[in-house]
Amino acid sequence: MPFTPNAELDLAFDAKLIPQSVIDELPDDLHIRPLSSSDHSRGHIQVLQALTTVPDPGAQAWSDRFRLIQTASPQTYYPIVILDKQKDTIVATGTVFMERKFIRNLGDCGHIEDIAVDKNVQGKGLGKRIIQALTGISDASGAYKTILDCSEDNQPFYVKCGYKYAGVEMAKYNVPSSH
């Protein structure tokens, strides 16, 4: 599949929000942009599988979720991807979403989530570029802070990206009922 320019895509948000400095640092054979409505076919789910177990929901369910994210609340969800231009396939992805708060003078907090890089291209700095882009989007959106959760094994990577240890994450997972 030939590379598809941004102008021909239905993007999750305006690509101008991605910092130019991050775009400039990518090699010529890679392209960073917002997630597109047609990215299921470019391997979005497969790249997320480098992060965790992600069953493929199918093209229609994926598209429905994309529309929900795109329209749920303007200026809230910012999913991005890096593509291999020769193959027009996704090689890295991540999202920042903005939490609207009552504290900090009605401040906004950026939450970085779901950073994944295709195993075949790990170690080439793409994760760092995703983090830089998402942090830049959060900063440009006026967030008073940007946060993320990670495993202890990944802490050194995020420290290199400018983040610091700031507490403990807690989670309660809902177990699906069997009836």
C-alpha atoms as a PDB file:
ATOM      1  CA  MET A   1       0.000   0.000   0.000  1.00  0.00           C
ATOM      2  CA  PRO A   2       1.540   3.382  -0.977  1.00  0.00           C
ATOM      3  CA  PHE A   3       1.988   6.081   1.676  1.00  0.00           C
ATOM      4  CA  THR A   4      -1.175   8.143   2.211  1.00  0.00           C
ATOM      5  CA  PRO A   5      -0.658  11.873   2.929  1.00  0.00           C
ATOM      6  CA  ASN A   6      -2.434  13.485   5.898  1.00  0.00           C
ATOM      7  CA  ALA A   7      -4.666  15.562   3.610  1.00  0.00           C
ATOM      8  CA  GLU A   8      -6.293  12.363   2.299  1.00  0.00           C
ATOM      9  CA  LEU A   9      -7.061  10.962   5.763  1.00  0.00           C
ATOM     10  CA  ASP A  10      -9.772  11.395   8.390  1.00  0.00           C
ATOM     11  CA  LEU A  11      -7.541  12.202  11.376  1.00  0.00           C
ATOM     12  CA  ALA A  12      -8.442  12.057  15.065  1.00  0.00           C
ATOM     13  CA  PHE A  13      -7.294  15.672  15.538  1.00  0.00           C
ATOM     14  CA  ASP A  14      -5.399  18.454  13.748  1.00  0.00           C
ATOM     15  CA  ALA A  15      -1.885  17.264  12.850  1.00  0.00           C
ATOM     16  CA  LYS A  16      -0.539  20.788  13.495  1.00  0.00           C
ATOM     17  CA  LEU A  17      -0.647  19.986  17.223  1.00  0.00           C
ATOM     18  CA  ILE A  18       2.282  17.573  16.846  1.00  0.00           C
ATOM     19  CA  PRO A  19       5.446  19.553  17.665  1.00  0.00           C
ATOM     20  CA  GLN A  20       7.506  20.408  14.580  1.00  0.00           C
ATOM     21  CA  SER A  21      10.682  19.588  16.514  1.00  0.00           C
ATOM     22  CA  VAL A  22       9.569  15.945  16.794  1.00  0.00           C
ATOM     23  CA  ILE A  23       8.633  15.781  13.112  1.00  0.00           C
ATOM     24  CA  ASP A  24      12.050  17.198  12.169  1.00  0.00           C
ATOM     25  CA  GLU A  25      13.906  14.560  14.203  1.00  0.00           C
ATOM     26  CA  LEU A  26      12.316  11.581  12.442  1.00  0.00           C
ATOM     27  CA  PRO A  27      14.185   9.901   9.581  1.00  0.00           C
ATOM     28  CA  ASP A  28      12.780  10.580   6.106  1.00  0.00           C
ATOM     29  CA  ASP A  29      11.333   7.063   5.841  1.00  0.00           C
ATOM     30  CA  LEU A  30       9.059   7.622   8.872  1.00  0.00           C
ATOM     31  CA  HIS A  31       6.017   9.862   9.355  1.00  0.00           C
ATOM     32  CA  ILE A  32       4.242  10.920  12.565  1.00  0.00           C
ATOM     33  CA  ARG A  33       0.595  11.945  12.570  1.00  0.00           C
ATOM     34  CA  PRO A  34      -2.700  11.615  14.454  1.00  0.00           C
ATOM     35  CA  LEU A  35      -4.451   8.256  14.323  1.00  0.00           C
ATOM     36  CA  SER A  36      -6.609   7.940  11.196  1.00  0.00           C
ATOM     37  CA  SER A  37     -10.006   6.316  10.712  1.00  0.00           C
ATOM     38  CA  SER A  38      -8.346   3.845   8.318  1.00  0.00           C
ATOM     39  CA  ASP A  39      -5.486   2.805  10.620  1.00  0.00           C
ATOM     40  CA  HIS A  40      -6.990  -0.540  11.555  1.00  0.00           C
ATOM     41  CA  SER A  41      -5.768  -1.721   8.139  1.00  0.00           C
ATOM     42  CA  ARG A  42      -2.317  -0.217   8.798  1.00  0.00           C
ATOM     43  CA  GLY A  43      -1.681  -2.487  11.780  1.00  0.00           C
ATOM     44  CA  HIS A  44      -2.695  -0.339  14.757  1.00  0.00           C
ATOM     45  CA  ILE A  45      -3.862  -3.357  16.783  1.00  0.00           C
ATOM     46  CA  GLN A  46      -0.758  -5.378  15.878  1.00  0.00           C
ATOM     47  CA  VAL A  47       1.544  -2.639  17.208  1.00  0.00           C
ATOM     48  CA  LEU A  48      -0.475  -2.409  20.441  1.00  0.00           C
ATOM     49  CA  GLN A  49       0.139  -6.145  20.862  1.00  0.00           C
ATOM     50  CA  ALA A  50       3.798  -5.294  21.566  1.00  0.00           C
ATOM     51  CA  LEU A  51       2.490  -3.703  24.791  1.00  0.00           C
ATOM     52  CA  THR A  52      -0.144  -6.133  26.031  1.00  0.00           C
ATOM     53  CA  THR A  53      -2.721  -8.698  24.983  1.00  0.00           C
ATOM     54  CA  VAL A  54      -4.982  -7.004  22.442  1.00  0.00           C
ATOM     55  CA  PRO A  55      -7.508  -9.153  20.616  1.00  0.00           C
ATOM     56  CA  ASP A  56      -8.428  -7.682  17.249  1.00  0.00           C
ATOM     57  CA  PRO A  57     -12.006  -6.375  17.610  1.00  0.00           C
ATOM     58  CA  GLY A  58     -12.479  -6.318  13.835  1.00  0.00           C
ATOM     59  CA  ALA A  59     -12.557  -3.363  11.481  1.00  0.00           C
ATOM     60  CA  GLN A  60     -16.101  -2.183  12.294  1.00  0.00           C
ATOM     61  CA  ALA A  61     -15.706  -2.263  16.089  1.00  0.00           C
ATOM     62  CA  TRP A  62     -12.298  -0.566  15.763  1.00  0.00           C
ATOM     63  CA  SER A  63     -13.870   2.120  13.558  1.00  0.00           C
ATOM     64  CA  ASP A  64     -16.706   2.640  16.047  1.00  0.00           C
ATOM     65  CA  ARG A  65     -14.155   3.151  18.848  1.00  0.00           C
ATOM     66  CA  PHE A  66     -12.181   5.578  16.665  1.00  0.00           C
ATOM     67  CA  ARG A  67     -15.346   7.662  16.084  1.00  0.00           C
ATOM     68  CA  LEU A  68     -16.113   7.652  19.805  1.00  0.00           C
ATOM     69  CA  ILE A  69     -12.602   8.885  20.623  1.00  0.00           C
ATOM     70  CA  GLN A  70     -12.693  11.441  17.805  1.00  0.00           C
ATOM     71  CA  THR A  71     -16.052  12.947  18.779  1.00  0.00           C
ATOM     72  CA  ALA A  72     -16.571  12.151  22.491  1.00  0.00           C
ATOM     73  CA  SER A  73     -15.194  15.420  23.758  1.00  0.00           C
ATOM     74  CA  PRO A  74     -13.317  17.894  21.591  1.00  0.00           C
ATOM     75  CA  GLN A  75      -9.715  18.512  22.591  1.00  0.00           C
ATOM     76  CA  THR A  76      -9.601  15.489  24.892  1.00  0.00           C
ATOM     77  CA  TYR A  77      -8.089  12.475  23.078  1.00  0.00           C
ATOM     78  CA  TYR A  78      -4.867  12.709  21.086  1.00  0.00           C
ATOM     79  CA  PRO A  79      -3.831   9.299  19.700  1.00  0.00           C
ATOM     80  CA  ILE A  80      -0.768   9.396  17.434  1.00  0.00           C
ATOM     81  CA  VAL A  81       1.125   6.958  15.244  1.00  0.00           C
ATOM     82  CA  ILE A  82       4.481   6.709  13.514  1.00  0.00           C
ATOM     83  CA  LEU A  83       4.365   5.037  10.108  1.00  0.00           C
ATOM     84  CA  ASP A  84       6.895   3.334   7.889  1.00  0.00           C
ATOM     85  CA  LYS A  85       6.298   5.380   4.721  1.00  0.00           C
ATOM     86  CA  GLN A  86       7.453   2.671   2.310  1.00  0.00           C
ATOM     87  CA  LYS A  87       4.959   0.133   3.676  1.00  0.00           C
ATOM     88  CA  ASP A  88       2.333   2.643   4.917  1.00  0.00           C
ATOM     89  CA  THR A  89       2.153   0.633   8.144  1.00  0.00           C
ATOM     90  CA  ILE A  90       2.179   1.729  11.766  1.00  0.00           C
ATOM     91  CA  VAL A  91       5.373   1.039  13.717  1.00  0.00           C
ATOM     92  CA  ALA A  92       4.656   3.006  16.925  1.00  0.00           C
ATOM     93  CA  THR A  93       1.677   4.502  18.728  1.00  0.00           C
ATOM     94  CA  GLY A  94       0.611   6.291  21.889  1.00  0.00           C
ATOM     95  CA  THR A  95      -2.124   8.520  23.282  1.00  0.00           C
ATOM     96  CA  VAL A  96      -2.415  11.498  25.574  1.00  0.00           C
ATOM     97  CA  PHE A  97      -5.810  12.415  26.940  1.00  0.00           C
ATOM     98  CA  MET A  98      -6.670  15.552  28.840  1.00  0.00           C
ATOM     99  CA  GLU A  99      -8.377  15.302  32.214  1.00  0.00           C
ATOM    100  CA  ARG A 100     -10.400  18.422  33.050  1.00  0.00           C
ATOM    101  CA  LYS A 101     -10.048  19.155  36.755  1.00  0.00           C
ATOM    102  CA  PHE A 102     -11.532  21.444  39.384  1.00  0.00           C
ATOM    103  CA  ILE A 103      -8.215  21.735  41.210  1.00  0.00           C
ATOM    104  CA  ARG A 104      -5.236  23.813  40.100  1.00  0.00           C
ATOM    105  CA  ASN A 105      -7.448  26.693  39.042  1.00  0.00           C
ATOM    106  CA  LEU A 106      -9.592  24.474  36.787  1.00  0.00           C
ATOM    107  CA  GLY A 107      -6.415  23.000  35.348  1.00  0.00           C
ATOM    108  CA  ASP A 108      -5.945  20.217  32.854  1.00  0.00           C
ATOM    109  CA  CYS A 109      -3.738  17.175  33.357  1.00  0.00           C
ATOM    110  CA  GLY A 110      -2.360  15.178  30.433  1.00  0.00           C
ATOM    111  CA  HIS A 111      -2.343  11.386  30.808  1.00  0.00           C
ATOM    112  CA  ILE A 112      -0.014   9.453  28.509  1.00  0.00           C
ATOM    113  CA  GLU A 113      -1.224   5.934  27.764  1.00  0.00           C
ATOM    114  CA  ASP A 114      -0.604   2.889  25.584  1.00  0.00           C
ATOM    115  CA  ILE A 115       2.914   3.558  24.297  1.00  0.00           C
ATOM    116  CA  ALA A 116       3.814   0.736  21.924  1.00  0.00           C
ATOM    117  CA  VAL A 117       6.582   0.221  19.380  1.00  0.00           C
ATOM    118  CA  ASP A 118       6.674  -2.657  16.907  1.00  0.00           C
ATOM    119  CA  LYS A 119       9.212  -5.216  18.148  1.00  0.00           C
ATOM    120  CA  ASN A 120      11.033  -5.092  14.788  1.00  0.00           C
ATOM    121  CA  VAL A 121      11.946  -1.406  15.242  1.00  0.00           C
ATOM    122  CA  GLN A 122      12.454  -1.140  19.000  1.00  0.00           C
ATOM    123  CA  GLY A 123      15.700   0.516  20.074  1.00  0.00           C
ATOM    124  CA  LYS A 124      15.599   3.167  17.330  1.00  0.00           C
ATOM    125  CA  GLY A 125      14.240   6.016  19.463  1.00  0.00           C
ATOM    126  CA  LEU A 126      10.629   5.830  18.263  1.00  0.00           C
ATOM    127  CA  GLY A 127       9.228   5.455  21.774  1.00  0.00           C
ATOM    128  CA  LYS A 128      11.093   8.602  22.769  1.00  0.00           C
ATOM    129  CA  ARG A 129       9.647  10.475  19.771  1.00  0.00           C
ATOM    130  CA  ILE A 130       6.121   9.342  20.703  1.00  0.00           C
ATOM    131  CA  ILE A 131       6.637  10.568  24.289  1.00  0.00           C
ATOM    132  CA  GLN A 132       8.072  13.893  23.074  1.00  0.00           C
ATOM    133  CA  ALA A 133       5.121  14.415  20.728  1.00  0.00           C
ATOM    134  CA  LEU A 134       2.495  13.536  23.339  1.00  0.00           C
ATOM    135  CA  THR A 135       4.178  15.694  25.985  1.00  0.00           C
ATOM    136  CA  GLY A 136       4.293  18.563  23.486  1.00  0.00           C
ATOM    137  CA  ILE A 137       0.588  18.167  22.705  1.00  0.00           C
ATOM    138  CA  SER A 138      -0.212  18.143  26.430  1.00  0.00           C
ATOM    139  CA  ASP A 139       1.938  21.217  27.055  1.00  0.00           C
ATOM    140  CA  ALA A 140       0.411  23.090  24.099  1.00  0.00           C
ATOM    141  CA  SER A 141      -3.052  22.201  25.410  1.00  0.00           C
ATOM    142  CA  GLY A 142      -2.242  24.031  28.637  1.00  0.00           C
ATOM    143  CA  ALA A 143      -1.803  21.063  30.982  1.00  0.00           C
ATOM    144  CA  TYR A 144      -0.264  21.960  34.334  1.00  0.00           C
ATOM    145  CA  LYS A 145       1.350  18.496  34.327  1.00  0.00           C
ATOM    146  CA  THR A 146       1.619  15.388  32.197  1.00  0.00           C
ATOM    147  CA  ILE A 147       1.678  11.999  33.883  1.00  0.00           C
ATOM    148  CA  LEU A 148       2.051   8.360  32.936  1.00  0.00           C
ATOM    149  CA  ASP A 149       2.152   4.976  34.620  1.00  0.00           C
ATOM    150  CA  CYS A 150       4.867   2.466  33.846  1.00  0.00           C
ATOM    151  CA  SER A 151       6.458  -0.699  35.151  1.00  0.00           C
ATOM    152  CA  GLU A 152       9.615  -0.448  37.235  1.00  0.00           C
ATOM    153  CA  ASP A 153      11.515  -1.971  34.307  1.00  0.00           C
ATOM    154  CA  ASN A 154      10.489   0.958  32.089  1.00  0.00           C
ATOM    155  CA  GLN A 155      11.319   3.731  34.581  1.00  0.00           C
ATOM    156  CA  PRO A 156      14.835   4.374  33.163  1.00  0.00           C
ATOM    157  CA  PHE A 157      13.350   4.964  29.695  1.00  0.00           C
ATOM    158  CA  TYR A 158      10.854   7.528  30.979  1.00  0.00           C
ATOM    159  CA  VAL A 159      13.531   9.257  33.074  1.00  0.00           C
ATOM    160  CA  LYS A 160      15.496   9.706  29.811  1.00  0.00           C
ATOM    161  CA  CYS A 161      12.351  11.315  28.392  1.00  0.00           C
ATOM    162  CA  GLY A 162      12.271  13.888  31.219  1.00  0.00           C
ATOM    163  CA  TYR A 163       9.830  12.195  33.598  1.00  0.00           C
ATOM    164  CA  LYS A 164      10.513  11.460  37.250  1.00  0.00           C
ATOM    165  CA  TYR A 165       9.200   9.081  39.854  1.00  0.00           C
ATOM    166  CA  ALA A 166       6.173  10.696  41.525  1.00  0.00           C
ATOM    167  CA  GLY A 167       4.332   8.024  43.485  1.00  0.00           C
ATOM    168  CA  VAL A 168       2.681   4.662  43.291  1.00  0.00           C
ATOM    169  CA  GLU A 169      -0.005   3.537  40.868  1.00  0.00           C
ATOM    170  CA  MET A 170      -2.893   1.549  42.272  1.00  0.00           C
ATOM    171  CA  ALA A 171      -5.370  -0.473  40.227  1.00  0.00           C
ATOM    172  CA  LYS A 172      -8.519  -2.482  40.751  1.00  0.00           C
ATOM    173  CA  TYR A 173      -9.405  -4.673  37.817  1.00  0.00           C
ATOM    174  CA  ASN A 174     -12.989  -5.705  37.221  1.00  0.00           C
ATOM    175  CA  VAL A 175     -13.314  -9.421  36.646  1.00  0.00           C
ATOM    176  CA  PRO A 176     -15.912 -10.222  33.978  1.00  0.00           C
ATOM    177  CA  SER A 177     -18.764 -12.300  35.348  1.00  0.00           C
ATOM    178  CA  SER A 178     -19.258 -15.769  33.923  1.00  0.00           C
ATOM    179  CA  HIS A 179     -23.051 -15.530  33.671  1.00  0.00           C
END
